Amino acid sequence: MDAHFLHLAQRGLMITALVSAPALAAAVVVGLGMATLQAVTQIQEQSAQVVLKIGAIYGTLLVLGYWMAAQVFSYTRLIFDSFGTWVG
């Protein structure tokens, strides 16, 4: 039972990393691009960077949201299906 629980916990952490990676990568890429642009043009406007990061994250969630939800749903279903082995 402990090995099964540890496997589910490990898979949960992997699903969390896998689902959060696209939005995080989009924010990092936009942040680095804006930082480079601000360094070149010497414009230090922080609100533009934040707005573009939020837009990039929103776009990523809009495009990949269904896939992310499907991954989380399949993991949740796996947990509920194996719940009987923990209790009984």
C-alpha atoms as a PDB file:
ATOM      1  CA  MET A   1       0.000   0.000   0.000  1.00  0.00           C
ATOM      2  CA  ASP A   2       2.818   2.430   0.806  1.00  0.00           C
ATOM      3  CA  ALA A   3       4.489   1.864  -2.554  1.00  0.00           C
ATOM      4  CA  HIS A   4       1.213   2.498  -4.355  1.00  0.00           C
ATOM      5  CA  PHE A   5       0.650   5.702  -2.388  1.00  0.00           C
ATOM      6  CA  LEU A   6       4.192   6.896  -3.088  1.00  0.00           C
ATOM      7  CA  HIS A   7       3.713   6.164  -6.784  1.00  0.00           C
ATOM      8  CA  LEU A   8       0.533   8.248  -6.824  1.00  0.00           C
ATOM      9  CA  ALA A   9       2.240  11.085  -4.959  1.00  0.00           C
ATOM     10  CA  GLN A  10       5.154  11.028  -7.394  1.00  0.00           C
ATOM     11  CA  ARG A  11       2.775  11.034 -10.340  1.00  0.00           C
ATOM     12  CA  GLY A  12       0.867  13.930  -8.783  1.00  0.00           C
ATOM     13  CA  LEU A  13       4.032  15.982  -8.553  1.00  0.00           C
ATOM     14  CA  MET A  14       4.905  15.161 -12.154  1.00  0.00           C
ATOM     15  CA  ILE A  15       1.418  16.128 -13.351  1.00  0.00           C
ATOM     16  CA  THR A  16       1.703  19.412 -11.443  1.00  0.00           C
ATOM     17  CA  ALA A  17       5.054  20.201 -13.042  1.00  0.00           C
ATOM     18  CA  LEU A  18       3.851  19.142 -16.487  1.00  0.00           C
ATOM     19  CA  VAL A  19       0.657  21.188 -16.320  1.00  0.00           C
ATOM     20  CA  SER A  20       2.286  24.340 -14.956  1.00  0.00           C
ATOM     21  CA  ALA A  21       5.312  24.277 -17.275  1.00  0.00           C
ATOM     22  CA  PRO A  22       3.749  25.827 -20.429  1.00  0.00           C
ATOM     23  CA  ALA A  23       2.366  28.889 -18.632  1.00  0.00           C
ATOM     24  CA  LEU A  24       5.592  29.327 -16.699  1.00  0.00           C
ATOM     25  CA  ALA A  25       7.670  29.016 -19.869  1.00  0.00           C
ATOM     26  CA  ALA A  26       5.510  31.603 -21.644  1.00  0.00           C
ATOM     27  CA  ALA A  27       5.916  34.040 -18.754  1.00  0.00           C
ATOM     28  CA  VAL A  28       9.684  33.519 -18.691  1.00  0.00           C
ATOM     29  CA  VAL A  29      10.063  34.016 -22.439  1.00  0.00           C
ATOM     30  CA  VAL A  30       7.936  37.168 -22.439  1.00  0.00           C
ATOM     31  CA  GLY A  31       9.732  38.485 -19.344  1.00  0.00           C
ATOM     32  CA  LEU A  32      13.157  37.946 -20.877  1.00  0.00           C
ATOM     33  CA  GLY A  33      12.059  39.506 -24.152  1.00  0.00           C
ATOM     34  CA  MET A  34      10.630  42.545 -22.429  1.00  0.00           C
ATOM     35  CA  ALA A  35      13.675  42.898 -20.177  1.00  0.00           C
ATOM     36  CA  THR A  36      15.924  42.832 -23.239  1.00  0.00           C
ATOM     37  CA  LEU A  37      13.737  45.372 -25.023  1.00  0.00           C
ATOM     38  CA  GLN A  38      13.674  47.625 -21.978  1.00  0.00           C
ATOM     39  CA  ALA A  39      17.454  47.403 -21.620  1.00  0.00           C
ATOM     40  CA  VAL A  40      17.997  48.293 -25.278  1.00  0.00           C
ATOM     41  CA  THR A  41      15.529  51.184 -25.340  1.00  0.00           C
ATOM     42  CA  GLN A  42      16.213  52.309 -21.738  1.00  0.00           C
ATOM     43  CA  ILE A  43      12.478  52.454 -21.024  1.00  0.00           C
ATOM     44  CA  GLN A  44      11.851  51.230 -17.499  1.00  0.00           C
ATOM     45  CA  GLU A  45       8.083  50.693 -17.478  1.00  0.00           C
ATOM     46  CA  GLN A  46       7.168  47.778 -15.208  1.00  0.00           C
ATOM     47  CA  SER A  47       3.455  47.733 -15.927  1.00  0.00           C
ATOM     48  CA  ALA A  48       4.002  46.860 -19.605  1.00  0.00           C
ATOM     49  CA  GLN A  49       6.031  43.817 -18.628  1.00  0.00           C
ATOM     50  CA  VAL A  50       3.386  42.618 -16.179  1.00  0.00           C
ATOM     51  CA  VAL A  51       0.542  43.141 -18.651  1.00  0.00           C
ATOM     52  CA  LEU A  52       2.369  41.210 -21.379  1.00  0.00           C
ATOM     53  CA  LYS A  53       3.193  38.365 -18.984  1.00  0.00           C
ATOM     54  CA  ILE A  54      -0.448  38.105 -17.933  1.00  0.00           C
ATOM     55  CA  GLY A  55      -1.484  38.123 -21.585  1.00  0.00           C
ATOM     56  CA  ALA A  56       1.001  35.377 -22.411  1.00  0.00           C
ATOM     57  CA  ILE A  57      -0.206  33.231 -19.529  1.00  0.00           C
ATOM     58  CA  TYR A  58      -3.830  33.819 -20.509  1.00  0.00           C
ATOM     59  CA  GLY A  59      -3.079  32.869 -24.117  1.00  0.00           C
ATOM     60  CA  THR A  60      -1.270  29.735 -23.020  1.00  0.00           C
ATOM     61  CA  LEU A  61      -4.172  28.722 -20.803  1.00  0.00           C
ATOM     62  CA  LEU A  62      -6.596  29.460 -23.615  1.00  0.00           C
ATOM     63  CA  VAL A  63      -4.698  27.245 -26.057  1.00  0.00           C
ATOM     64  CA  LEU A  64      -3.612  24.444 -23.713  1.00  0.00           C
ATOM     65  CA  GLY A  65      -6.325  24.639 -21.057  1.00  0.00           C
ATOM     66  CA  TYR A  66      -8.244  21.632 -22.335  1.00  0.00           C
ATOM     67  CA  TRP A  67      -5.120  19.481 -22.328  1.00  0.00           C
ATOM     68  CA  MET A  68      -4.209  20.669 -18.818  1.00  0.00           C
ATOM     69  CA  ALA A  69      -7.688  19.915 -17.517  1.00  0.00           C
ATOM     70  CA  ALA A  70      -7.626  16.469 -19.145  1.00  0.00           C
ATOM     71  CA  GLN A  71      -4.318  15.645 -17.433  1.00  0.00           C
ATOM     72  CA  VAL A  72      -5.600  16.713 -14.019  1.00  0.00           C
ATOM     73  CA  PHE A  73      -8.922  14.926 -14.565  1.00  0.00           C
ATOM     74  CA  SER A  74      -7.232  11.656 -15.514  1.00  0.00           C
ATOM     75  CA  TYR A  75      -5.026  11.826 -12.413  1.00  0.00           C
ATOM     76  CA  THR A  76      -8.026  12.601 -10.208  1.00  0.00           C
ATOM     77  CA  ARG A  77      -9.902   9.687 -11.716  1.00  0.00           C
ATOM     78  CA  LEU A  78      -6.926   7.403 -11.027  1.00  0.00           C
ATOM     79  CA  ILE A  79      -6.921   8.468  -7.394  1.00  0.00           C
ATOM     80  CA  PHE A  80     -10.657   7.892  -6.964  1.00  0.00           C
ATOM     81  CA  ASP A  81     -10.448   4.527  -8.726  1.00  0.00           C
ATOM     82  CA  SER A  82      -7.658   3.346  -6.415  1.00  0.00           C
ATOM     83  CA  PHE A  83      -9.250   4.763  -3.274  1.00  0.00           C
ATOM     84  CA  GLY A  84     -10.818   1.418  -2.448  1.00  0.00           C
ATOM     85  CA  THR A  85      -7.416  -0.210  -2.071  1.00  0.00           C
ATOM     86  CA  TRP A  86      -6.406   2.305   0.593  1.00  0.00           C
ATOM     87  CA  VAL A  87      -9.462   1.972   2.772  1.00  0.00           C
ATOM     88  CA  GLY A  88     -10.234  -1.688   2.559  1.00  0.00           C
END
